[in-house]
Amino acid sequence: MRFVTVYAIMKISFKNEKERELYQTVGSLTRVHGAQQAKKIIQRIEQLEAVASPQQLPGSARFHEHSGERKGLFSVYLIHPYRLILLPTCKYQSWVEITSLQVYEVMTPH
């Protein structure tokens, strides 16, 4: 008997087509955020797309939920102090059940 392993991947979306083009084009990201930050943003988006849930992200991404006014939003670390802010687009009881996210913005929470 042969078993097939099925890997689910995280679904990543964007606010609109303009945002999709910004985050998926190295040149655009570099103009807006600089070369190093653009590289890190692309790395984080690729990492998110490659996992089934945030629990599988590398520890250096530091996936975490915000509180207060930003409750319901999550973020991953970029180059300090910047974060890639993410909005879950699926229903979940616990953050480990999140299977789809929308790229919300890049910001510094400090």
Protein backbone atom coordinates (compact mmCIF):
# COMPACT_ATOMS: atom_id res chain seq x y z
CA MET A 1 0.00 0.00 0.00
CA ARG A 2 1.31 3.41 -0.90
CA PHE A 3 0.53 6.62 1.02
CA VAL A 4 0.50 10.04 -0.54
CA THR A 5 1.32 13.02 1.62
CA VAL A 6 -0.81 16.05 0.87
CA TYR A 7 0.55 19.43 1.87
CA ALA A 8 -1.87 22.28 2.38
CA ILE A 9 -0.55 25.75 1.80
CA MET A 10 -1.55 29.07 3.27
CA LYS A 11 -3.66 31.20 0.96
CA ILE A 12 -2.34 34.77 0.77
CA SER A 13 -4.44 37.60 -0.65
CA PHE A 14 -4.12 41.35 -1.01
CA LYS A 15 -6.52 44.30 -0.55
CA ASN A 16 -6.71 44.96 -4.29
CA GLU A 17 -4.82 44.47 -7.55
CA LYS A 18 -2.60 47.50 -6.95
CA GLU A 19 -1.46 46.06 -3.62
CA ARG A 20 -0.86 42.63 -5.23
CA GLU A 21 1.39 44.24 -7.84
CA LEU A 22 3.28 46.17 -5.15
CA TYR A 23 3.98 43.13 -2.98
CA GLN A 24 4.79 40.77 -5.84
CA THR A 25 7.13 43.05 -7.77
CA VAL A 26 10.67 43.40 -6.43
CA GLY A 27 11.18 46.76 -8.17
CA SER A 28 8.05 48.30 -6.66
CA LEU A 29 8.82 47.02 -3.19
CA THR A 30 12.40 48.25 -3.44
CA ARG A 31 11.28 51.75 -4.43
CA VAL A 32 8.84 51.94 -1.50
CA HIS A 33 10.74 50.09 1.24
CA GLY A 34 14.38 49.82 0.16
CA ALA A 35 16.28 46.76 -1.09
CA GLN A 36 16.84 44.98 2.24
CA GLN A 37 13.27 45.44 3.47
CA ALA A 38 11.85 44.39 0.08
CA LYS A 39 13.87 41.18 0.22
CA LYS A 40 12.59 40.45 3.75
CA ILE A 41 8.96 41.17 2.79
CA ILE A 42 9.20 38.77 -0.16
CA GLN A 43 10.84 36.16 2.07
CA ARG A 44 8.03 36.39 4.65
CA ILE A 45 5.29 36.17 2.02
CA GLU A 46 6.98 33.12 0.48
CA GLN A 47 7.29 31.54 3.94
CA LEU A 48 3.60 32.16 4.60
CA GLU A 49 2.63 30.63 1.25
CA ALA A 50 4.71 27.53 1.99
CA VAL A 51 3.06 26.54 5.28
CA ALA A 52 -0.34 25.12 6.19
CA SER A 53 -0.64 27.18 9.38
CA PRO A 54 1.32 29.91 11.19
CA GLN A 55 2.55 27.29 13.65
CA GLN A 56 4.89 25.99 10.92
CA LEU A 57 6.62 29.34 10.34
CA PRO A 58 10.24 29.65 11.46
CA GLY A 59 10.70 31.15 14.92
CA SER A 60 12.44 34.17 13.44
CA ALA A 61 9.14 35.24 11.82
CA ARG A 62 7.61 35.68 15.28
CA PHE A 63 4.00 35.38 14.17
CA HIS A 64 1.87 37.06 16.83
CA GLU A 65 -1.52 38.66 17.42
CA HIS A 66 -1.98 42.32 18.20
CA SER A 67 -4.08 43.66 21.05
CA GLY A 68 -6.03 46.82 21.73
CA GLU A 69 -7.13 48.78 18.64
CA ARG A 70 -5.39 46.25 16.38
CA LYS A 71 -6.98 43.14 17.94
CA GLY A 72 -7.69 40.60 15.21
CA LEU A 73 -4.60 41.57 13.22
CA PHE A 74 -1.42 39.52 13.26
CA SER A 75 2.12 40.31 12.22
CA VAL A 76 5.47 38.81 11.37
CA TYR A 77 8.82 40.48 11.89
CA LEU A 78 10.62 42.20 9.08
CA ILE A 79 13.75 44.31 9.62
CA HIS A 80 13.39 45.91 13.04
CA PRO A 81 11.20 47.75 13.90
CA TYR A 82 8.95 46.99 10.91
CA ARG A 83 6.24 44.32 10.78
CA LEU A 84 4.19 42.80 7.98
CA ILE A 85 0.61 43.17 9.24
CA LEU A 86 -1.79 40.37 8.29
CA LEU A 87 -5.55 39.95 8.51
CA PRO A 88 -7.00 36.41 8.72
CA THR A 89 -9.60 35.78 6.01
CA CYS A 90 -10.87 32.50 7.43
CA LYS A 91 -12.71 31.44 10.56
CA TYR A 92 -10.53 30.17 13.40
CA GLN A 93 -10.73 29.34 17.09
CA SER A 94 -6.99 29.51 17.69
CA TRP A 95 -4.27 31.18 15.60
CA VAL A 96 -2.84 27.75 14.72
CA GLU A 97 -6.04 27.13 12.69
CA ILE A 98 -5.50 30.11 10.39
CA THR A 99 -5.28 28.95 6.77
CA SER A 100 -5.66 32.19 4.81
CA LEU A 101 -4.38 35.72 5.33
CA GLN A 102 -4.61 39.08 3.64
CA VAL A 103 -1.51 41.27 3.52
CA TYR A 104 -2.77 44.37 5.32
CA GLU A 105 0.22 46.73 5.50
CA VAL A 106 3.87 47.22 6.49
CA MET A 107 4.26 49.35 9.59
CA THR A 108 6.25 49.99 12.72
CA PRO A 109 4.19 49.47 15.88
CA HIS A 110 6.51 51.64 17.99
